[in-house]
Amino acid sequence: MAFRFSLQALLRVRQSSEERERRRLALLNMQIGQLHQEDEMLNQQRVLAWAQISHGLRAGMSGAELQFETASMATLAYRQEELRKQIARLQQEHIVQERLFREAQKQRKVLGNLRERKLRDYLQVRGRREQQQVDDLFILRRTLESRS
């Protein structure tokens, strides 16, 4: 008789739950990484804009140009602030998602360990039965040989 784990269906559910939570965690990691890249690009744009303003002022930039560049800088600063709020929100979601993933992983491991223990028990019992059959066969042969 082959090994059969009575909770195999539940183990599969727990494995798929763990995998789903892992994928969600990976997606959040990717989104946070993309937002950090975008934040770095905005930083570079702001540095460039400051350099342009500085160069423009030395070259005699008009008031209207200065006002336009200042408004552009304010827009970049606003976009960066909004982006950083979004990063903070996603990082909070990441903390929650990591907790969900760890819980799903723990639940799967509990069932996985139970399955492994049941399999070890099954193999031990099967090994004993096989040894008993070998022993019985040996005794039967000895008995038959001694009668002959």
N, C-alpha and C. Protein backbone atom coordinates (compact mmCIF):
# COMPACT_ATOMS: atom_id res chain seq x y z
N MET A 1 0.84 -1.18 0.00
CA MET A 1 0.00 0.00 0.00
C MET A 1 0.89 1.25 0.00
N ALA A 2 0.64 2.15 -0.92
CA ALA A 2 1.45 3.36 -1.07
C ALA A 2 1.11 4.37 0.02
N PHE A 3 2.08 5.25 0.29
CA PHE A 3 1.89 6.29 1.30
C PHE A 3 0.83 7.27 0.83
N ARG A 4 -0.07 7.61 1.74
CA ARG A 4 -1.11 8.59 1.44
C ARG A 4 -1.22 9.52 2.64
N PHE A 5 -1.03 10.80 2.40
CA PHE A 5 -1.14 11.81 3.46
C PHE A 5 -2.56 12.34 3.44
N SER A 6 -3.27 12.14 4.52
CA SER A 6 -4.70 12.49 4.57
C SER A 6 -4.95 14.00 4.43
N LEU A 7 -3.97 14.81 4.74
CA LEU A 7 -4.13 16.27 4.66
C LEU A 7 -3.45 16.87 3.43
N GLN A 8 -3.24 16.03 2.41
CA GLN A 8 -2.53 16.49 1.20
C GLN A 8 -3.24 17.66 0.52
N ALA A 9 -4.56 17.60 0.47
CA ALA A 9 -5.31 18.70 -0.18
C ALA A 9 -5.09 20.02 0.59
N LEU A 10 -5.12 19.94 1.91
CA LEU A 10 -4.88 21.13 2.72
C LEU A 10 -3.44 21.63 2.55
N LEU A 11 -2.51 20.71 2.45
CA LEU A 11 -1.11 21.09 2.22
C LEU A 11 -0.97 21.83 0.89
N ARG A 12 -1.65 21.34 -0.15
CA ARG A 12 -1.59 22.02 -1.45
C ARG A 12 -2.19 23.42 -1.35
N VAL A 13 -3.28 23.57 -0.60
CA VAL A 13 -3.90 24.89 -0.41
C VAL A 13 -2.92 25.82 0.30
N ARG A 14 -2.25 25.31 1.33
CA ARG A 14 -1.29 26.13 2.07
C ARG A 14 -0.09 26.49 1.19
N GLN A 15 0.35 25.57 0.34
CA GLN A 15 1.46 25.85 -0.56
C GLN A 15 1.08 26.93 -1.56
N SER A 16 -0.13 26.84 -2.11
CA SER A 16 -0.55 27.86 -3.08
C SER A 16 -0.78 29.21 -2.38
N SER A 17 -1.25 29.18 -1.16
CA SER A 17 -1.42 30.43 -0.39
C SER A 17 -0.06 31.08 -0.15
N GLU A 18 0.92 30.28 0.24
CA GLU A 18 2.27 30.81 0.47
C GLU A 18 2.84 31.40 -0.83
N GLU A 19 2.64 30.69 -1.92
CA GLU A 19 3.16 31.17 -3.21
C GLU A 19 2.48 32.48 -3.62
N ARG A 20 1.18 32.57 -3.40
CA ARG A 20 0.44 33.80 -3.73
C ARG A 20 0.97 34.98 -2.91
N GLU A 21 1.18 34.77 -1.62
CA GLU A 21 1.70 35.84 -0.76
C GLU A 21 3.13 36.21 -1.15
N ARG A 22 3.92 35.21 -1.56
CA ARG A 22 5.29 35.48 -2.01
C ARG A 22 5.28 36.34 -3.27
N ARG A 23 4.37 36.03 -4.20
CA ARG A 23 4.28 36.82 -5.44
C ARG A 23 3.85 38.26 -5.14
N ARG A 24 2.92 38.43 -4.22
CA ARG A 24 2.49 39.78 -3.85
C ARG A 24 3.65 40.57 -3.23
N LEU A 25 4.43 39.89 -2.40
CA LEU A 25 5.59 40.53 -1.78
C LEU A 25 6.61 40.92 -2.85
N ALA A 26 6.84 40.03 -3.81
CA ALA A 26 7.78 40.33 -4.89
C ALA A 26 7.30 41.51 -5.73
N LEU A 27 6.00 41.58 -5.97
CA LEU A 27 5.43 42.70 -6.74
C LEU A 27 5.65 44.02 -6.01
N LEU A 28 5.42 44.01 -4.69
CA LEU A 28 5.65 45.23 -3.92
C LEU A 28 7.12 45.63 -3.95
N ASN A 29 8.01 44.64 -3.85
CA ASN A 29 9.45 44.93 -3.95
C ASN A 29 9.78 45.60 -5.27
N MET A 30 9.21 45.06 -6.34
CA MET A 30 9.48 45.61 -7.67
C MET A 30 8.94 47.04 -7.78
N GLN A 31 7.72 47.26 -7.28
CA GLN A 31 7.12 48.60 -7.36
C GLN A 31 7.94 49.60 -6.55
N ILE A 32 8.37 49.20 -5.37
CA ILE A 32 9.18 50.10 -4.53
C ILE A 32 10.50 50.41 -5.24
N GLY A 33 11.10 49.40 -5.85
CA GLY A 33 12.35 49.62 -6.59
C GLY A 33 12.17 50.59 -7.74
N GLN A 34 11.07 50.44 -8.47
CA GLN A 34 10.79 51.36 -9.59
C GLN A 34 10.59 52.79 -9.10
N LEU A 35 9.88 52.92 -7.98
CA LEU A 35 9.64 54.27 -7.45
C LEU A 35 10.94 54.89 -6.95
N HIS A 36 11.83 54.10 -6.38
CA HIS A 36 13.13 54.63 -5.95
C HIS A 36 13.94 55.10 -7.17
N GLN A 37 13.84 54.35 -8.28
CA GLN A 37 14.54 54.78 -9.50
C GLN A 37 13.96 56.10 -10.01
N GLU A 38 12.64 56.19 -9.96
CA GLU A 38 12.00 57.43 -10.41
C GLU A 38 12.40 58.59 -9.50
N ASP A 39 12.49 58.34 -8.20
CA ASP A 39 12.92 59.36 -7.24
C ASP A 39 14.33 59.83 -7.58
N GLU A 40 15.20 58.89 -7.89
CA GLU A 40 16.58 59.24 -8.24
C GLU A 40 16.61 60.08 -9.52
N MET A 41 15.76 59.73 -10.49
CA MET A 41 15.70 60.52 -11.73
C MET A 41 15.23 61.95 -11.43
N LEU A 42 14.25 62.07 -10.55
CA LEU A 42 13.78 63.41 -10.18
C LEU A 42 14.88 64.19 -9.47
N ASN A 43 15.65 63.53 -8.64
CA ASN A 43 16.79 64.19 -7.99
C ASN A 43 17.75 64.74 -9.04
N GLN A 44 18.05 63.91 -10.03
CA GLN A 44 18.97 64.34 -11.09
C GLN A 44 18.39 65.51 -11.87
N GLN A 45 17.08 65.47 -12.13
CA GLN A 45 16.44 66.57 -12.85
C GLN A 45 16.52 67.87 -12.03
N ARG A 46 16.33 67.75 -10.72
CA ARG A 46 16.41 68.94 -9.86
C ARG A 46 17.82 69.51 -9.83
N VAL A 47 18.82 68.65 -9.77
CA VAL A 47 20.21 69.11 -9.78
C VAL A 47 20.49 69.82 -11.10
N LEU A 48 20.03 69.24 -12.19
CA LEU A 48 20.21 69.85 -13.51
C LEU A 48 19.51 71.20 -13.59
N ALA A 49 18.29 71.25 -13.06
CA ALA A 49 17.53 72.51 -13.09
C ALA A 49 18.23 73.58 -12.28
N TRP A 50 18.77 73.22 -11.11
CA TRP A 50 19.52 74.20 -10.31
C TRP A 50 20.75 74.70 -11.07
N ALA A 51 21.39 73.78 -11.75
CA ALA A 51 22.57 74.18 -12.53
C ALA A 51 22.18 75.13 -13.65
N GLN A 52 21.03 74.87 -14.29
CA GLN A 52 20.56 75.76 -15.36
C GLN A 52 20.20 77.14 -14.81
N ILE A 53 19.54 77.15 -13.66
CA ILE A 53 19.18 78.44 -13.05
C ILE A 53 20.45 79.21 -12.69
N SER A 54 21.39 78.52 -12.08
CA SER A 54 22.65 79.16 -11.69
C SER A 54 23.37 79.72 -12.90
N HIS A 55 23.45 78.91 -13.94
CA HIS A 55 24.11 79.36 -15.17
C HIS A 55 23.33 80.54 -15.78
N GLY A 56 22.02 80.43 -15.80
CA GLY A 56 21.17 81.48 -16.36
C GLY A 56 21.32 82.80 -15.62
N LEU A 57 21.42 82.73 -14.30
CA LEU A 57 21.57 83.96 -13.50
C LEU A 57 22.91 84.64 -13.79
N ARG A 58 23.94 83.82 -13.95
CA ARG A 58 25.25 84.40 -14.28
C ARG A 58 25.26 84.99 -15.68
N ALA A 59 24.45 84.42 -16.57
CA ALA A 59 24.41 84.89 -17.95
C ALA A 59 23.39 86.01 -18.16
N GLY A 60 22.71 86.42 -17.09
CA GLY A 60 21.76 87.52 -17.22
C GLY A 60 20.36 87.06 -17.57
N MET A 61 19.85 86.02 -16.91
CA MET A 61 18.51 85.49 -17.16
C MET A 61 17.47 86.55 -16.81
N SER A 62 16.42 86.63 -17.62
CA SER A 62 15.36 87.60 -17.37
C SER A 62 14.49 87.15 -16.20
N GLY A 63 13.71 88.07 -15.67
CA GLY A 63 12.82 87.76 -14.56
C GLY A 63 11.79 86.71 -14.93
N ALA A 64 11.27 86.79 -16.15
CA ALA A 64 10.26 85.83 -16.60
C ALA A 64 10.86 84.43 -16.69
N GLU A 65 12.10 84.35 -17.20
CA GLU A 65 12.76 83.04 -17.29
C GLU A 65 13.02 82.48 -15.90
N LEU A 66 13.44 83.34 -15.00
CA LEU A 66 13.70 82.91 -13.63
C LEU A 66 12.41 82.41 -12.97
N GLN A 67 11.34 83.13 -13.22
CA GLN A 67 10.05 82.73 -12.66
C GLN A 67 9.63 81.37 -13.22
N PHE A 68 9.82 81.16 -14.54
CA PHE A 68 9.46 79.89 -15.16
C PHE A 68 10.30 78.75 -14.58
N GLU A 69 11.60 78.96 -14.45
CA GLU A 69 12.49 77.92 -13.91
C GLU A 69 12.15 77.61 -12.45
N THR A 70 11.81 78.65 -11.70
CA THR A 70 11.43 78.45 -10.30
C THR A 70 10.14 77.64 -10.21
N ALA A 71 9.19 77.93 -11.08
CA ALA A 71 7.93 77.17 -11.10
C ALA A 71 8.20 75.72 -11.50
N SER A 72 9.12 75.51 -12.44
CA SER A 72 9.49 74.14 -12.84
C SER A 72 10.11 73.40 -11.67
N MET A 73 10.97 74.09 -10.92
CA MET A 73 11.60 73.48 -9.74
C MET A 73 10.55 73.10 -8.70
N ALA A 74 9.57 74.00 -8.52
CA ALA A 74 8.50 73.72 -7.54
C ALA A 74 7.70 72.50 -7.97
N THR A 75 7.46 72.39 -9.27
CA THR A 75 6.73 71.23 -9.80
C THR A 75 7.52 69.94 -9.56
N LEU A 76 8.81 69.99 -9.82
CA LEU A 76 9.66 68.82 -9.58
C LEU A 76 9.67 68.45 -8.09
N ALA A 77 9.75 69.45 -7.24
CA ALA A 77 9.75 69.20 -5.80
C ALA A 77 8.42 68.58 -5.36
N TYR A 78 7.31 69.08 -5.91
CA TYR A 78 6.00 68.53 -5.58
C TYR A 78 5.90 67.08 -6.04
N ARG A 79 6.32 66.82 -7.27
CA ARG A 79 6.28 65.44 -7.80
C ARG A 79 7.11 64.50 -6.94
N GLN A 80 8.27 64.99 -6.52
CA GLN A 80 9.16 64.16 -5.70
C GLN A 80 8.52 63.90 -4.33
N GLU A 81 7.90 64.91 -3.76
CA GLU A 81 7.24 64.74 -2.45
C GLU A 81 6.10 63.71 -2.55
N GLU A 82 5.31 63.81 -3.62
CA GLU A 82 4.22 62.84 -3.84
C GLU A 82 4.78 61.43 -4.04
N LEU A 83 5.86 61.35 -4.76
CA LEU A 83 6.50 60.06 -5.01
C LEU A 83 7.00 59.45 -3.70
N ARG A 84 7.57 60.27 -2.87
CA ARG A 84 8.09 59.78 -1.58
C ARG A 84 6.94 59.35 -0.65
N LYS A 85 5.81 60.02 -0.74
CA LYS A 85 4.63 59.58 0.02
C LYS A 85 4.17 58.21 -0.48
N GLN A 86 4.20 58.05 -1.79
CA GLN A 86 3.80 56.77 -2.38
C GLN A 86 4.78 55.66 -1.96
N ILE A 87 6.05 55.96 -1.95
CA ILE A 87 7.06 54.98 -1.50
C ILE A 87 6.80 54.60 -0.05
N ALA A 88 6.52 55.58 0.80
CA ALA A 88 6.26 55.31 2.22
C ALA A 88 5.02 54.43 2.38
N ARG A 89 3.98 54.72 1.60
CA ARG A 89 2.76 53.91 1.66
C ARG A 89 3.05 52.47 1.23
N LEU A 90 3.80 52.31 0.14
CA LEU A 90 4.13 50.97 -0.34
C LEU A 90 5.04 50.23 0.65
N GLN A 91 5.90 50.96 1.32
CA GLN A 91 6.77 50.31 2.31
C GLN A 91 5.94 49.80 3.49
N GLN A 92 4.90 50.54 3.86
CA GLN A 92 4.00 50.06 4.91
C GLN A 92 3.25 48.81 4.44
N GLU A 93 2.77 48.84 3.20
CA GLU A 93 2.12 47.66 2.63
C GLU A 93 3.09 46.48 2.60
N HIS A 94 4.34 46.75 2.30
CA HIS A 94 5.36 45.70 2.25
C HIS A 94 5.52 45.04 3.62
N ILE A 95 5.53 45.85 4.67
CA ILE A 95 5.65 45.30 6.03
C ILE A 95 4.49 44.36 6.33
N VAL A 96 3.28 44.81 5.99
CA VAL A 96 2.09 43.97 6.22
C VAL A 96 2.16 42.71 5.37
N GLN A 97 2.53 42.87 4.10
CA GLN A 97 2.59 41.73 3.19
C GLN A 97 3.66 40.73 3.63
N GLU A 98 4.76 41.23 4.13
CA GLU A 98 5.82 40.32 4.60
C GLU A 98 5.32 39.50 5.78
N ARG A 99 4.53 40.14 6.66
CA ARG A 99 3.94 39.43 7.78
C ARG A 99 2.98 38.34 7.29
N LEU A 100 2.15 38.67 6.29
CA LEU A 100 1.22 37.70 5.71
C LEU A 100 1.98 36.54 5.08
N PHE A 101 3.05 36.85 4.37
CA PHE A 101 3.85 35.80 3.74
C PHE A 101 4.47 34.89 4.79
N ARG A 102 5.04 35.46 5.84
CA ARG A 102 5.67 34.65 6.90
C ARG A 102 4.64 33.74 7.58
N GLU A 103 3.44 34.26 7.77
CA GLU A 103 2.39 33.44 8.40
C GLU A 103 1.99 32.29 7.47
N ALA A 104 1.82 32.59 6.19
CA ALA A 104 1.47 31.53 5.22
C ALA A 104 2.58 30.50 5.14
N GLN A 105 3.82 30.96 5.18
CA GLN A 105 4.96 30.06 5.14
C GLN A 105 4.98 29.16 6.38
N LYS A 106 4.70 29.75 7.53
CA LYS A 106 4.67 28.99 8.79
C LYS A 106 3.59 27.91 8.75
N GLN A 107 2.42 28.28 8.26
CA GLN A 107 1.32 27.32 8.18
C GLN A 107 1.65 26.17 7.23
N ARG A 108 2.30 26.50 6.12
CA ARG A 108 2.69 25.45 5.17
C ARG A 108 3.75 24.54 5.77
N LYS A 109 4.69 25.13 6.50
CA LYS A 109 5.77 24.33 7.10
C LYS A 109 5.22 23.37 8.16
N VAL A 110 4.24 23.82 8.91
CA VAL A 110 3.65 22.95 9.93
C VAL A 110 3.09 21.70 9.26
N LEU A 111 2.32 21.89 8.20
CA LEU A 111 1.75 20.73 7.49
C LEU A 111 2.83 19.93 6.78
N GLY A 112 3.82 20.61 6.23
CA GLY A 112 4.93 19.91 5.56
C GLY A 112 5.69 19.03 6.54
N ASN A 113 5.94 19.56 7.74
CA ASN A 113 6.64 18.78 8.76
C ASN A 113 5.79 17.58 9.21
N LEU A 114 4.49 17.80 9.34
CA LEU A 114 3.59 16.70 9.71
C LEU A 114 3.62 15.61 8.64
N ARG A 115 3.60 16.04 7.37
CA ARG A 115 3.65 15.07 6.27
C ARG A 115 4.96 14.27 6.32
N GLU A 116 6.06 14.96 6.54
CA GLU A 116 7.36 14.28 6.61
C GLU A 116 7.41 13.28 7.76
N ARG A 117 6.84 13.66 8.88
CA ARG A 117 6.82 12.75 10.04
C ARG A 117 5.97 11.52 9.74
N LYS A 118 4.79 11.75 9.12
CA LYS A 118 3.92 10.63 8.75
C LYS A 118 4.60 9.72 7.73
N LEU A 119 5.34 10.31 6.78
CA LEU A 119 6.06 9.51 5.79
C LEU A 119 7.14 8.68 6.46
N ARG A 120 7.88 9.28 7.38
CA ARG A 120 8.91 8.52 8.12
C ARG A 120 8.29 7.36 8.88
N ASP A 121 7.15 7.64 9.54
CA ASP A 121 6.46 6.58 10.27
C ASP A 121 6.02 5.47 9.33
N TYR A 122 5.46 5.87 8.20
CA TYR A 122 4.99 4.89 7.20
C TYR A 122 6.16 4.04 6.71
N LEU A 123 7.28 4.67 6.37
CA LEU A 123 8.43 3.93 5.87
C LEU A 123 9.00 3.00 6.94
N GLN A 124 8.97 3.44 8.17
CA GLN A 124 9.46 2.61 9.28
C GLN A 124 8.57 1.37 9.45
N VAL A 125 7.26 1.57 9.43
CA VAL A 125 6.33 0.44 9.55
C VAL A 125 6.48 -0.49 8.36
N ARG A 126 6.58 0.08 7.17
CA ARG A 126 6.74 -0.75 5.97
C ARG A 126 8.04 -1.54 6.03
N GLY A 127 9.11 -0.92 6.49
CA GLY A 127 10.38 -1.62 6.63
C GLY A 127 10.28 -2.76 7.62
N ARG A 128 9.57 -2.54 8.72
CA ARG A 128 9.39 -3.62 9.70
C ARG A 128 8.60 -4.77 9.11
N ARG A 129 7.54 -4.44 8.36
CA ARG A 129 6.72 -5.49 7.73
C ARG A 129 7.56 -6.29 6.73
N GLU A 130 8.34 -5.57 5.93
CA GLU A 130 9.19 -6.27 4.96
C GLU A 130 10.20 -7.16 5.66
N GLN A 131 10.79 -6.67 6.74
CA GLN A 131 11.74 -7.47 7.49
C GLN A 131 11.05 -8.68 8.12
N GLN A 132 9.83 -8.46 8.61
CA GLN A 132 9.07 -9.58 9.19
C GLN A 132 8.78 -10.63 8.13
N GLN A 133 8.46 -10.19 6.90
CA GLN A 133 8.19 -11.13 5.81
C GLN A 133 9.46 -11.91 5.45
N VAL A 134 10.59 -11.22 5.42
CA VAL A 134 11.86 -11.89 5.14
C VAL A 134 12.17 -12.90 6.23
N ASP A 135 11.97 -12.49 7.48
CA ASP A 135 12.21 -13.39 8.61
C ASP A 135 11.29 -14.60 8.54
N ASP A 136 10.00 -14.37 8.25
CA ASP A 136 9.05 -15.48 8.15
C ASP A 136 9.42 -16.42 7.02
N LEU A 137 9.85 -15.87 5.90
CA LEU A 137 10.26 -16.69 4.76
C LEU A 137 11.50 -17.52 5.12
N PHE A 138 12.43 -16.92 5.82
CA PHE A 138 13.63 -17.61 6.25
C PHE A 138 13.27 -18.77 7.17
N ILE A 139 12.39 -18.51 8.14
CA ILE A 139 11.96 -19.56 9.08
C ILE A 139 11.23 -20.66 8.34
N LEU A 140 10.38 -20.29 7.39
CA LEU A 140 9.64 -21.29 6.61
C LEU A 140 10.59 -22.17 5.81
N ARG A 141 11.59 -21.58 5.19
CA ARG A 141 12.57 -22.36 4.42
C ARG A 141 13.36 -23.29 5.34
N ARG A 142 13.77 -22.76 6.46
CA ARG A 142 14.51 -23.59 7.43
C ARG A 142 13.67 -24.78 7.89
N THR A 143 12.41 -24.48 8.12
CA THR A 143 11.52 -25.55 8.59
C THR A 143 11.35 -26.60 7.51
N LEU A 144 11.16 -26.14 6.26
CA LEU A 144 10.98 -27.07 5.14
C LEU A 144 12.25 -27.86 4.86
N GLU A 145 13.40 -27.22 4.98
CA GLU A 145 14.67 -27.90 4.76
C GLU A 145 14.94 -28.95 5.85
N SER A 146 14.56 -28.66 7.07
CA SER A 146 14.80 -29.59 8.16
C SER A 146 13.88 -30.79 8.06
N ARG A 147 12.75 -30.70 7.41
CA ARG A 147 11.83 -31.80 7.22
C ARG A 147 12.26 -32.70 6.06
N SER A 148 13.01 -32.16 5.16
CA SER A 148 13.40 -32.93 3.98
C SER A 148 14.53 -33.88 4.27
